[in-house]
Structure formats: structure tokens, C-alpha cells
Amino acid sequence: MSLSINRKAAPTVAPFILNRWSPRAFTPDEITQAELLSILDAGRWAPSAYNAQPWRFIYAHRNTPDWERFLSWFIPFNRSWAENASAIVYIASRSVIDSSSTDEPVELPSHAFDAGAASILIQLQANQNGWFARPVSGFDKNLAHAGLELPEDHVVHAALVIGHRGKVSQLPANLQAKEQPSNRVPLASIAFEGRLIHKTL
């Protein structure tokens, strides 16, 4: 489904970055294992402190036994639109790294940063492959952590809802106007030389 994207950015920003956005309207299509793994493989190539690669991608396809479990942890609002998608991928990371000198686990302060980098590469790859991905933070993280059987030293950060874009009309009226790429605050509001200058965004 085509959409005219009108975002204000410097001409040096690559189109594949500007064309990434997060719809809520999806069509209930199947995604093959090969297609999904080809998208997730992009996340492997994110930068990683110490090359620890702490990210973990735990996924479920629609119409599988895991699908309902993955949806059940979403807040009702997110479940209402996500249930039409093709796959859900929970993004987690290991918060420690095994010390090279003692082989004992030590804190890895960058684990969430690294997992975020992996997540955006997955989203960009999804768009390149003709799919859309919407990140979701509105879910019960304790239930997800237990349901995904994550060890205690792992943290679940977000879920990516992946699918083909559906019709805006399938959304509730209050969401239809929002079903378009959002713009961003001016660069001068977030980029500073030397020190942070407090401004109202």
C-alpha cells in the first residue's frame, strides 16, 4: 500500500531512513520462517560493546500456539491492532558479560543500547523487504519475562509487531488520523556542541 511520505530532513538523510515508520493497521498475512529470519538476521550486525552481542530475538508467527501467548502480555489497546499482524518479536538482552580474566559474569552497561541498535536494523530491514514493524512497549514485562523463560540476567525491552500494512479504515476513528509517518523536532532542539542547552521542545 503506497503512501506519500512528507518528512522534513536534511537532504543528506537517506531515503530508507525517512521511509521507516510504524503503522498500526496490518493485514493478517502469513510470514514464512525464511522471510522472518532474513529480517532478524539484520539485527545480528548491530554494533556491540566488546562484541558481546547481548541481544536476543524471541519470535512467534500468527496462527501458531505461541501467538496467543505473545499477544496475551500486551495491554488491551495494543492487542486490539497487533492481533492482525504476521509476527511478534520480543527484544531482550543479557545484562552481563563473562569476564575474559575470571570467566565470571560482570555488568554490561551497554546491553540495552546495543539491543536498541539491533532493533532498529531489524525495522529498517523489514521495510527494505516490503514489511512494516511497529515497536511496542505497552506490555506486562514481568509476564513476558516469565513466559519467554528468560534467565534472571536478561531484560526484555520491547516487542516488534511485523506485518504488511493494512487499510486505515480498519482502525478506530480516533487512530485513523494518526496512521501516517510522524515528523520530528528540529535538529537544533536535540543536538548541541560542547554542552546541553536546555530548551523546550
Protein backbone atom coordinates (compact mmCIF):
# COMPACT_ATOMS: atom_id res chain seq x y z
CA MET A 1 0.00 0.00 0.00
CA SER A 2 1.62 3.23 -1.13
CA LEU A 3 1.80 6.34 1.00
CA SER A 4 3.20 9.77 0.29
CA ILE A 5 5.80 10.48 2.96
CA ASN A 6 6.49 14.14 3.57
CA ARG A 7 9.11 14.47 6.29
CA LYS A 8 11.38 17.43 6.82
CA ALA A 9 15.03 16.41 6.93
CA ALA A 10 18.39 17.40 5.57
CA PRO A 11 18.84 16.14 2.00
CA THR A 12 21.72 14.01 3.24
CA VAL A 13 19.40 11.75 5.27
CA ALA A 14 19.00 8.51 3.33
CA PRO A 15 15.51 7.76 1.98
CA PHE A 16 15.45 4.30 3.59
CA ILE A 17 15.66 6.04 6.98
CA LEU A 18 12.93 8.58 6.23
CA ASN A 19 10.69 5.87 4.78
CA ARG A 20 10.73 3.86 8.01
CA TRP A 21 7.61 4.42 10.06
CA SER A 22 5.36 2.45 12.37
CA PRO A 23 1.78 1.75 11.29
CA ARG A 24 -0.88 0.05 13.40
CA ALA A 25 -3.07 -1.21 10.57
CA PHE A 26 -1.88 -4.63 9.42
CA THR A 27 -3.26 -7.38 7.21
CA PRO A 28 -3.44 -10.91 8.67
CA ASP A 29 -0.90 -12.37 6.25
CA GLU A 30 1.43 -15.25 6.97
CA ILE A 31 5.17 -14.63 7.02
CA THR A 32 7.37 -17.60 6.24
CA GLN A 33 10.16 -18.68 8.55
CA ALA A 34 12.70 -17.80 5.87
CA GLU A 35 11.24 -14.30 5.43
CA LEU A 36 11.19 -13.60 9.15
CA LEU A 37 14.71 -14.88 9.73
CA SER A 38 16.01 -12.80 6.82
CA ILE A 39 14.69 -9.72 8.64
CA LEU A 40 16.03 -10.75 12.04
CA ASP A 41 19.43 -11.52 10.57
CA ALA A 42 19.97 -7.79 10.07
CA GLY A 43 19.92 -7.36 13.85
CA ARG A 44 22.98 -9.59 14.20
CA TRP A 45 25.09 -6.93 12.52
CA ALA A 46 24.48 -4.13 15.00
CA PRO A 47 27.49 -2.59 16.78
CA SER A 48 28.19 -4.21 20.12
CA ALA A 49 30.48 -3.29 23.02
CA TYR A 50 33.19 -5.94 23.43
CA ASN A 51 31.40 -7.75 20.58
CA ALA A 52 29.23 -9.24 23.33
CA GLN A 53 26.13 -9.29 21.10
CA PRO A 54 23.79 -9.31 24.13
CA TRP A 55 20.57 -9.05 22.10
CA ARG A 56 18.05 -11.87 21.91
CA PHE A 57 15.12 -12.06 19.47
CA ILE A 58 12.25 -14.33 20.58
CA TYR A 59 9.52 -14.57 17.96
CA ALA A 60 6.12 -16.06 17.18
CA HIS A 61 4.23 -16.42 13.91
CA ARG A 62 0.49 -15.79 13.73
CA ASN A 63 -1.70 -18.92 13.79
CA THR A 64 0.75 -20.81 15.98
CA PRO A 65 0.38 -21.87 19.64
CA ASP A 66 2.87 -19.18 20.73
CA TRP A 67 0.93 -16.39 19.02
CA GLU A 68 -1.79 -16.12 21.64
CA ARG A 69 0.77 -16.21 24.45
CA PHE A 70 2.77 -13.39 22.92
CA LEU A 71 -0.37 -11.31 22.42
CA SER A 72 -1.66 -12.02 25.93
CA TRP A 73 1.10 -9.92 27.51
CA PHE A 74 0.11 -6.81 25.52
CA ILE A 75 -2.12 -4.19 27.07
CA PRO A 76 -5.63 -4.42 25.53
CA PHE A 77 -5.14 -1.35 23.33
CA ASN A 78 -2.02 -2.77 21.67
CA ARG A 79 -3.50 -6.23 21.36
CA SER A 80 -6.52 -4.81 19.50
CA TRP A 81 -4.43 -3.89 16.46
CA ALA A 82 -1.40 -6.19 16.84
CA GLU A 83 -3.51 -9.33 16.53
CA ASN A 84 -3.79 -8.62 12.78
CA ALA A 85 -0.03 -8.72 12.21
CA SER A 86 2.15 -11.54 10.91
CA ALA A 87 4.78 -11.89 13.64
CA ILE A 88 5.73 -10.58 17.05
CA VAL A 89 9.38 -10.37 18.07
CA TYR A 90 10.33 -9.64 21.67
CA ILE A 91 13.67 -7.86 22.01
CA ALA A 92 15.68 -8.78 25.10
CA SER A 93 19.30 -8.56 26.12
CA ARG A 94 21.72 -10.17 28.54
CA SER A 95 22.73 -7.57 31.13
CA VAL A 96 26.07 -9.18 32.00
CA ILE A 97 29.13 -10.42 30.13
CA ASP A 98 31.53 -13.18 31.10
CA SER A 99 34.81 -11.64 32.20
CA SER A 100 37.75 -12.55 30.00
CA SER A 101 40.01 -12.75 33.05
CA THR A 102 37.83 -14.57 35.59
CA ASP A 103 35.12 -16.09 33.40
CA GLU A 104 32.64 -14.72 35.94
CA PRO A 105 29.68 -12.57 34.84
CA VAL A 106 30.18 -8.82 35.22
CA GLU A 107 27.79 -5.97 34.46
CA LEU A 108 27.45 -4.94 30.80
CA PRO A 109 26.26 -1.31 30.97
CA SER A 110 25.66 -1.05 27.20
CA HIS A 111 23.36 -4.06 26.83
CA ALA A 112 20.18 -2.01 26.34
CA PHE A 113 21.92 0.41 23.96
CA ASP A 114 23.18 -2.50 21.88
CA ALA A 115 19.75 -4.18 21.81
CA GLY A 116 18.23 -0.90 20.61
CA ALA A 117 20.75 -0.72 17.79
CA ALA A 118 19.86 -4.28 16.77
CA SER A 119 16.17 -3.44 16.91
CA ILE A 120 16.41 -0.51 14.50
CA LEU A 121 18.38 -2.59 12.00
CA ILE A 122 15.58 -5.17 12.09
CA GLN A 123 12.99 -2.44 11.47
CA LEU A 124 14.96 -0.99 8.56
CA GLN A 125 15.46 -4.44 7.04
CA ALA A 126 11.75 -5.17 7.37
CA ASN A 127 10.96 -2.05 5.34
CA GLN A 128 13.57 -2.99 2.74
CA ASN A 129 11.88 -6.39 2.42
CA GLY A 130 8.39 -4.92 1.95
CA TRP A 131 7.19 -5.31 5.54
CA PHE A 132 6.48 -2.86 8.35
CA ALA A 133 7.45 -3.09 12.02
CA ARG A 134 6.00 -1.18 14.96
CA PRO A 135 7.90 -1.18 18.28
CA VAL A 136 5.70 -1.72 21.34
CA SER A 137 6.50 -1.02 24.99
CA GLY A 138 2.95 -1.41 26.29
CA PHE A 139 3.00 -4.95 27.65
CA ASP A 140 3.47 -6.68 31.01
CA LYS A 141 7.23 -7.08 31.21
CA ASN A 142 7.09 -9.46 34.16
CA LEU A 143 4.70 -11.81 32.39
CA ALA A 144 6.74 -11.59 29.19
CA HIS A 145 9.99 -12.30 31.05
CA ALA A 146 8.47 -15.39 32.65
CA GLY A 147 6.64 -16.53 29.53
CA LEU A 148 9.75 -16.23 27.39
CA GLU A 149 11.67 -18.22 30.05
CA LEU A 150 14.39 -15.59 30.21
CA PRO A 151 17.15 -16.05 32.79
CA GLU A 152 17.37 -13.52 35.61
CA ASP A 153 20.29 -11.74 33.96
CA HIS A 154 18.20 -10.96 30.86
CA VAL A 155 15.96 -7.93 30.36
CA VAL A 156 13.02 -7.69 27.95
CA HIS A 157 12.85 -4.23 26.39
CA ALA A 158 10.19 -4.09 23.70
CA ALA A 159 8.27 -6.05 21.11
CA LEU A 160 8.29 -5.55 17.36
CA VAL A 161 4.99 -6.16 15.61
CA ILE A 162 5.70 -7.08 11.98
CA GLY A 163 3.29 -7.31 9.06
CA HIS A 164 2.05 -5.92 5.78
CA ARG A 165 0.30 -2.59 6.02
CA GLY A 166 -3.48 -2.76 6.14
CA LYS A 167 -6.26 -0.28 5.42
CA VAL A 168 -6.56 2.78 7.63
CA SER A 169 -10.32 2.21 7.75
CA GLN A 170 -9.87 -0.93 9.84
CA LEU A 171 -8.65 1.20 12.78
CA PRO A 172 -10.90 3.00 15.28
CA ALA A 173 -11.78 6.52 14.18
CA ASN A 174 -9.52 8.13 16.79
CA LEU A 175 -6.48 6.31 15.37
CA GLN A 176 -7.10 6.80 11.67
CA ALA A 177 -5.74 10.36 11.61
CA LYS A 178 -2.56 9.14 13.33
CA GLU A 179 -1.91 6.41 10.78
CA GLN A 180 0.80 8.27 8.91
CA PRO A 181 4.52 8.96 9.33
CA SER A 182 5.16 11.43 12.14
CA ASN A 183 7.63 14.26 11.90
CA ARG A 184 10.41 15.03 14.37
CA VAL A 185 11.50 18.03 16.42
CA PRO A 186 14.12 20.27 14.77
CA LEU A 187 17.71 19.08 14.99
CA ALA A 188 18.62 22.25 16.92
CA SER A 189 16.39 21.04 19.76
CA ILE A 190 18.37 17.83 20.31
CA ALA A 191 21.94 18.38 19.01
CA PHE A 192 24.34 20.67 20.88
CA GLU A 193 28.01 21.50 20.64
CA GLY A 194 30.02 21.32 23.84
CA ARG A 195 27.21 21.20 26.39
CA LEU A 196 23.49 20.64 26.66
CA ILE A 197 21.41 23.79 26.25
CA HIS A 198 18.05 23.37 27.90
CA LYS A 199 15.26 24.24 25.53
CA THR A 200 11.57 23.50 25.34
CA LEU A 201 10.98 21.00 22.54
